[in-house]
Amino acid sequence: MYCISMNINIFFITLLTMILSSCSTAPESSKAASHTDSVIYIEHFGNGNMEKELIKKEGDTMLYKEYSVNGNKSKEFIMYNGSASDELYTGCITTFYDNENNNIKIIKNVVNGLQQGEEIRYYENGRINHKGYNYKGKKDGLWVWYYENGKKWSEVYYSNDTPFGQRKKYYRNGLLKSIQLLSYDNKVIYWRNLDSMSGRITEEKGIPFMAAGRKRPFYVGDTVTNIITMAYLPGWNVSVKLEQVLNNKRIIIKSVNSVKDFIDEDYGKELTIKVPASDPGKYLWELNISVYDSQNNTHFSDIKPFSFMVK
């Protein structure tokens, strides 16, 4: 796994710039030795303990380390390529706790100067605090947070640094605390809060599903797509019926009576409906969505209209 961090101090940038410049003018004998690790810079605290260390490894790889005053390693940065002066580097950074075991605190990845790839943060006891993925400096994908006891605390999916879809939170005992459904613009359109012991509903509001489609003119032969996203809990029965109105004629073009037809995504359950536009005219789609929670005897239903033109 290669890791990274966005925060390199000014000292390190200046230092690497000077070293890389000196390497470019080094004698041939020095360049020939670049395939073996060599310590090219060391700085110490007043007590004699090492404070900073820069190692040139094979090829263009540089390894930079920082230490606390008592000798524990506090940061380790590997730069695989790029120039530190313009921060278009690719590498991995690890930070450490200043404790007896010198446990890892954070592992991050950077590609071309932007945080990218997996990020993991640990508690001082060595257990994971949170983990998730970044893409071009922004959260992207599933992020999960944990309690110090190792049990899951929260999970939510990110798209372009914005949470989306279902967000779940848990009590320390592992039971579900709440479930929410977030829209693309990060609005809470549904939530359910649960009791910490019985798991029964204490508060509930909204509808646990949403539908989205492209609102633009279509042409005969185009495929019209509508996507249903829902928060889901075990024991829920789901049915979907799509009706189409065209030229005052109403027909059923899609009927789903089981959650098995939905796809499991990190952000919830998803159903994609695709229908070819066969005739010109003004279309009206009506999505009749129904969810029954058999465990709590609650029912949700809604009609989502979707109109569009076919030329």
Protein backbone atom coordinates (compact mmCIF):
# COMPACT_ATOMS: atom_id res chain seq x y z
CA MET A 1 0.00 0.00 0.00
CA TYR A 2 1.40 3.41 -0.77
CA CYS A 3 0.36 6.28 1.40
CA ILE A 4 0.37 10.06 1.53
CA SER A 5 -0.27 13.38 3.29
CA MET A 6 -1.10 16.84 2.08
CA ASN A 7 0.84 18.62 4.84
CA ILE A 8 4.58 18.88 4.22
CA ASN A 9 6.17 21.66 6.21
CA ILE A 10 7.99 24.54 4.58
CA PHE A 11 11.28 23.35 5.96
CA PHE A 12 11.02 20.00 4.20
CA ILE A 13 10.10 21.60 0.87
CA THR A 14 13.07 23.98 1.06
CA LEU A 15 15.39 21.21 2.17
CA LEU A 16 14.41 18.82 -0.61
CA THR A 17 14.69 21.58 -3.21
CA MET A 18 18.29 22.27 -2.17
CA ILE A 19 19.18 18.58 -2.09
CA LEU A 20 17.62 17.75 -5.43
CA SER A 21 19.47 20.72 -6.93
CA SER A 22 22.78 19.54 -5.49
CA CYS A 23 22.13 15.98 -6.74
CA SER A 24 21.72 17.29 -10.29
CA THR A 25 25.28 18.67 -10.20
CA ALA A 26 26.87 15.82 -8.22
CA PRO A 27 29.91 14.03 -9.68
CA GLU A 28 29.38 10.83 -11.66
CA SER A 29 30.83 8.71 -8.85
CA SER A 30 28.13 10.02 -6.50
CA LYS A 31 25.35 9.33 -9.04
CA ALA A 32 26.57 5.79 -9.53
CA ALA A 33 25.96 5.07 -5.85
CA SER A 34 22.33 6.20 -5.98
CA HIS A 35 21.06 2.60 -6.19
CA THR A 36 21.87 2.04 -2.50
CA ASP A 37 20.24 3.82 0.43
CA SER A 38 22.28 6.72 1.72
CA VAL A 39 21.64 9.19 4.53
CA ILE A 40 22.21 12.63 3.06
CA TYR A 41 20.92 14.85 5.85
CA ILE A 42 20.56 14.58 9.63
CA GLU A 43 19.52 17.19 12.20
CA HIS A 44 19.58 16.69 15.99
CA PHE A 45 17.87 18.14 19.04
CA GLY A 46 19.92 19.82 21.75
CA ASN A 47 19.87 16.58 23.77
CA GLY A 48 21.58 14.73 20.93
CA ASN A 49 18.53 12.79 19.76
CA MET A 50 17.82 12.80 16.06
CA GLU A 51 15.20 15.36 14.96
CA LYS A 52 15.14 15.00 11.14
CA GLU A 53 16.60 12.58 8.67
CA LEU A 54 16.60 12.46 4.86
CA ILE A 55 17.52 9.26 3.03
CA LYS A 56 18.01 8.85 -0.70
CA LYS A 57 16.82 5.41 -1.72
CA GLU A 58 16.98 3.56 -5.03
CA GLY A 59 16.16 5.65 -8.10
CA ASP A 60 14.40 8.94 -7.37
CA THR A 61 12.74 7.78 -4.13
CA MET A 62 13.39 9.91 -1.05
CA LEU A 63 12.56 8.93 2.54
CA TYR A 64 12.11 11.72 5.11
CA LYS A 65 11.69 11.08 8.86
CA GLU A 66 10.93 13.30 11.83
CA TYR A 67 11.32 12.37 15.50
CA SER A 68 10.06 13.67 18.83
CA VAL A 69 12.55 15.06 21.33
CA ASN A 70 12.45 11.77 23.29
CA GLY A 71 13.46 9.75 20.22
CA ASN A 72 10.12 8.40 18.98
CA LYS A 73 9.40 8.63 15.25
CA SER A 74 6.65 11.20 14.60
CA LYS A 75 6.45 11.31 10.78
CA GLU A 76 7.66 9.29 7.82
CA PHE A 77 7.24 10.51 4.26
CA ILE A 78 8.11 8.57 1.11
CA MET A 79 8.25 10.58 -2.12
CA TYR A 80 8.28 8.36 -5.20
CA ASN A 81 8.48 11.03 -7.88
CA GLY A 82 7.89 14.71 -8.57
CA SER A 83 9.40 17.94 -7.38
CA ALA A 84 8.94 19.01 -3.79
CA SER A 85 9.28 22.63 -4.82
CA ASP A 86 6.03 22.62 -6.83
CA GLU A 87 4.39 19.95 -4.60
CA LEU A 88 3.55 17.74 -7.61
CA TYR A 89 4.83 14.77 -5.66
CA THR A 90 3.54 11.23 -5.36
CA GLY A 91 4.17 9.31 -2.19
CA CYS A 92 3.04 8.13 1.20
CA ILE A 93 3.12 9.69 4.66
CA THR A 94 2.75 8.01 8.03
CA THR A 95 2.51 9.85 11.34
CA PHE A 96 3.00 8.25 14.75
CA TYR A 97 1.88 8.67 18.36
CA ASP A 98 4.58 9.75 20.79
CA ASN A 99 4.01 6.77 23.10
CA GLU A 100 5.95 3.73 24.28
CA ASN A 101 5.01 1.59 21.27
CA ASN A 102 5.27 4.48 18.78
CA ASN A 103 1.91 3.37 17.30
CA ILE A 104 0.84 4.58 13.87
CA LYS A 105 -1.56 7.55 13.96
CA ILE A 106 -2.39 8.31 10.29
CA ILE A 107 -1.55 6.80 6.91
CA LYS A 108 -2.40 8.90 3.86
CA ASN A 109 -1.69 8.80 0.13
CA VAL A 110 -0.86 11.59 -2.31
CA VAL A 111 -0.75 11.51 -6.12
CA ASN A 112 0.64 14.51 -8.00
CA GLY A 113 0.32 16.67 -4.91
CA LEU A 114 -3.31 15.77 -4.12
CA GLN A 115 -4.51 13.35 -1.49
CA GLN A 116 -5.67 10.20 -3.24
CA GLY A 117 -6.24 6.58 -2.30
CA GLU A 118 -6.96 5.07 1.09
CA GLU A 119 -6.68 7.08 4.31
CA ILE A 120 -6.60 5.36 7.70
CA ARG A 121 -6.48 7.02 11.12
CA TYR A 122 -5.84 5.01 14.29
CA TYR A 123 -6.58 5.49 17.97
CA GLU A 124 -3.59 5.45 20.28
CA ASN A 125 -4.55 1.90 21.32
CA GLY A 126 -3.92 0.73 17.75
CA ARG A 127 -7.54 0.29 16.69
CA ILE A 128 -8.91 2.07 13.63
CA ASN A 129 -10.55 5.47 14.20
CA HIS A 130 -11.76 5.91 10.62
CA LYS A 131 -10.94 4.86 7.09
CA GLY A 132 -12.01 5.91 3.61
CA TYR A 133 -10.87 6.91 0.15
CA ASN A 134 -9.93 10.19 -1.51
CA TYR A 135 -9.81 11.16 -5.16
CA LYS A 136 -7.93 14.25 -6.30
CA GLY A 137 -8.00 15.75 -2.81
CA LYS A 138 -11.68 15.03 -2.05
CA LYS A 139 -13.50 12.29 -0.15
CA ASP A 140 -14.89 9.76 -2.60
CA GLY A 141 -16.48 6.42 -1.71
CA LEU A 142 -17.43 4.78 1.57
CA TRP A 143 -16.08 6.26 4.83
CA VAL A 144 -16.40 4.39 8.13
CA TRP A 145 -15.76 5.61 11.70
CA TYR A 146 -15.27 3.40 14.77
CA TYR A 147 -15.41 3.67 18.56
CA GLU A 148 -12.24 2.99 20.55
CA ASN A 149 -13.68 -0.43 21.44
CA GLY A 150 -13.55 -1.40 17.75
CA LYS A 151 -17.29 -1.28 17.10
CA LYS A 152 -18.60 0.73 14.18
CA TRP A 153 -19.79 4.28 14.99
CA SER A 154 -20.85 5.72 11.63
CA GLU A 155 -20.71 5.08 7.88
CA VAL A 156 -21.59 7.22 4.88
CA TYR A 157 -20.75 7.40 1.19
CA TYR A 158 -19.06 10.49 -0.29
CA SER A 159 -19.24 11.80 -3.84
CA ASN A 160 -16.95 14.73 -4.68
CA ASP A 161 -16.46 15.51 -0.97
CA THR A 162 -20.24 15.54 -0.29
CA PRO A 163 -22.06 12.81 1.70
CA PHE A 164 -24.80 11.08 -0.26
CA GLY A 165 -27.27 8.23 0.16
CA GLN A 166 -27.82 6.37 3.40
CA ARG A 167 -25.91 7.32 6.53
CA LYS A 168 -25.95 4.95 9.48
CA LYS A 169 -24.86 5.58 13.06
CA TYR A 170 -24.46 3.00 15.81
CA TYR A 171 -24.43 2.86 19.61
CA ARG A 172 -21.33 1.65 21.43
CA ASN A 173 -23.07 -1.68 22.03
CA GLY A 174 -23.23 -2.24 18.26
CA LEU A 175 -26.97 -1.62 17.81
CA LEU A 176 -28.16 0.75 15.09
CA LYS A 177 -28.74 4.27 16.43
CA SER A 178 -30.09 6.03 13.34
CA ILE A 179 -30.41 5.80 9.58
CA GLN A 180 -30.73 8.76 7.22
CA LEU A 181 -31.10 9.29 3.50
CA LEU A 182 -29.16 12.23 2.05
CA SER A 183 -29.92 13.81 -1.33
CA TYR A 184 -27.25 14.76 -3.89
CA ASP A 185 -27.14 18.28 -2.41
CA ASN A 186 -26.67 16.87 1.12
CA LYS A 187 -30.22 17.44 2.38
CA VAL A 188 -31.70 14.96 4.85
CA ILE A 189 -34.89 13.66 3.22
CA TYR A 190 -35.46 10.80 5.68
CA TRP A 191 -34.33 9.79 9.15
CA ARG A 192 -35.16 7.15 11.75
CA ASN A 193 -33.82 7.17 15.33
CA LEU A 194 -33.81 3.97 17.38
CA ASP A 195 -33.67 3.11 21.09
CA SER A 196 -30.26 1.93 22.37
CA MET A 197 -31.64 -1.15 24.15
CA SER A 198 -34.83 -2.30 22.41
CA GLY A 199 -34.05 -1.07 18.90
CA ARG A 200 -37.54 0.39 18.65
CA ILE A 201 -38.25 3.58 16.72
CA THR A 202 -38.10 6.76 18.82
CA GLU A 203 -38.43 9.25 15.95
CA GLU A 204 -39.05 9.02 12.23
CA LYS A 205 -39.66 11.52 9.46
CA GLY A 206 -39.59 11.64 5.66
CA ILE A 207 -39.58 9.01 2.91
CA PRO A 208 -36.65 6.53 2.69
CA PHE A 209 -36.26 6.71 -1.08
CA MET A 210 -35.67 9.20 -3.88
CA ALA A 211 -35.80 9.10 -7.68
CA ALA A 212 -33.76 10.98 -10.25
CA GLY A 213 -33.74 11.18 -14.04
CA ARG A 214 -32.26 13.36 -16.77
CA LYS A 215 -34.59 16.27 -17.52
CA ARG A 216 -33.78 17.09 -21.13
CA PRO A 217 -35.42 16.53 -24.54
CA PHE A 218 -35.08 13.01 -25.86
CA TYR A 219 -35.35 11.70 -29.39
CA VAL A 220 -37.14 8.63 -30.71
CA GLY A 221 -34.87 5.67 -30.08
CA ASP A 222 -33.15 7.22 -27.04
CA THR A 223 -33.11 5.33 -23.74
CA VAL A 224 -34.82 7.13 -20.87
CA THR A 225 -33.35 6.30 -17.47
CA ASN A 226 -34.73 6.75 -13.95
CA ILE A 227 -32.76 5.80 -10.85
CA ILE A 228 -34.31 5.00 -7.47
CA THR A 229 -32.06 5.20 -4.42
CA MET A 230 -33.25 4.11 -0.98
CA ALA A 231 -32.05 3.62 2.54
CA TYR A 232 -32.79 0.04 3.51
CA LEU A 233 -33.05 -2.04 6.68
CA PRO A 234 -33.60 -5.82 7.00
CA GLY A 235 -37.29 -6.70 7.10
CA TRP A 236 -38.43 -4.04 4.67
CA ASN A 237 -40.64 -5.15 1.78
CA VAL A 238 -40.35 -2.97 -1.32
CA SER A 239 -42.51 -2.64 -4.42
CA VAL A 240 -42.15 -0.29 -7.40
CA LYS A 241 -44.57 0.29 -10.25
CA LEU A 242 -43.75 2.59 -13.15
CA GLU A 243 -46.71 3.88 -15.14
CA GLN A 244 -46.42 5.81 -18.36
CA VAL A 245 -48.95 8.33 -19.71
CA LEU A 246 -48.67 9.25 -23.40
CA ASN A 247 -51.48 10.63 -25.59
CA ASN A 248 -53.97 10.08 -22.73
CA LYS A 249 -53.09 6.38 -22.56
CA ARG A 250 -51.80 4.93 -19.28
CA ILE A 251 -49.79 1.72 -19.26
CA ILE A 252 -47.59 -0.11 -16.72
CA ILE A 253 -44.07 -0.43 -18.14
CA LYS A 254 -42.22 -1.75 -15.08
CA SER A 255 -43.24 -3.61 -11.93
CA VAL A 256 -40.90 -4.74 -9.16
CA ASN A 257 -42.14 -6.58 -6.07
CA SER A 258 -38.92 -7.57 -4.32
CA VAL A 259 -35.86 -5.80 -2.98
CA LYS A 260 -33.84 -8.52 -4.73
CA ASP A 261 -34.21 -6.50 -7.94
CA PHE A 262 -32.24 -3.66 -6.31
CA ILE A 263 -28.44 -3.51 -6.43
CA ASP A 264 -26.43 -3.13 -3.23
CA GLU A 265 -24.31 0.02 -3.36
CA ASP A 266 -22.19 1.68 -0.67
CA TYR A 267 -24.78 4.48 -0.52
CA GLY A 268 -27.85 2.21 -0.23
CA LYS A 269 -30.09 0.11 -2.48
CA GLU A 270 -30.44 1.20 -6.10
CA LEU A 271 -32.82 0.33 -8.92
CA THR A 272 -32.18 1.60 -12.45
CA ILE A 273 -35.10 1.61 -14.89
CA LYS A 274 -34.33 2.04 -18.60
CA VAL A 275 -37.06 2.33 -21.24
CA PRO A 276 -36.63 3.19 -24.95
CA ALA A 277 -38.55 6.23 -26.22
CA SER A 278 -40.53 4.72 -29.11
CA ASP A 279 -42.88 7.58 -30.07
CA PRO A 280 -42.69 11.38 -30.09
CA GLY A 281 -44.77 13.42 -27.66
CA LYS A 282 -44.97 14.60 -24.05
CA TYR A 283 -44.43 11.74 -21.62
CA LEU A 284 -45.39 11.47 -17.98
CA TRP A 285 -43.82 8.76 -15.84
CA GLU A 286 -45.25 8.06 -12.41
CA LEU A 287 -43.15 5.98 -10.03
CA ASN A 288 -45.35 4.37 -7.37
CA ILE A 289 -42.98 3.33 -4.61
CA SER A 290 -44.08 1.44 -1.50
CA VAL A 291 -42.06 0.25 1.49
CA TYR A 292 -43.49 -1.83 4.35
CA ASP A 293 -41.50 -2.36 7.54
CA SER A 294 -42.83 -5.66 8.88
CA GLN A 295 -40.84 -5.44 12.12
CA ASN A 296 -42.32 -2.10 13.19
CA ASN A 297 -45.57 -2.26 11.19
CA THR A 298 -44.91 1.02 9.41
CA HIS A 299 -45.61 1.87 5.78
CA PHE A 300 -44.21 4.42 3.36
CA SER A 301 -45.56 5.19 -0.08
CA ASP A 302 -45.13 7.99 -2.56
CA ILE A 303 -45.64 8.84 -6.24
CA LYS A 304 -42.70 10.43 -8.01
CA PRO A 305 -43.74 12.14 -11.30
CA PHE A 306 -41.20 12.58 -14.08
CA SER A 307 -42.13 14.38 -17.31
CA PHE A 308 -40.08 14.75 -20.48
CA MET A 309 -40.40 15.42 -24.20
CA VAL A 310 -39.51 13.03 -27.01
CA LYS A 311 -38.92 14.57 -30.42
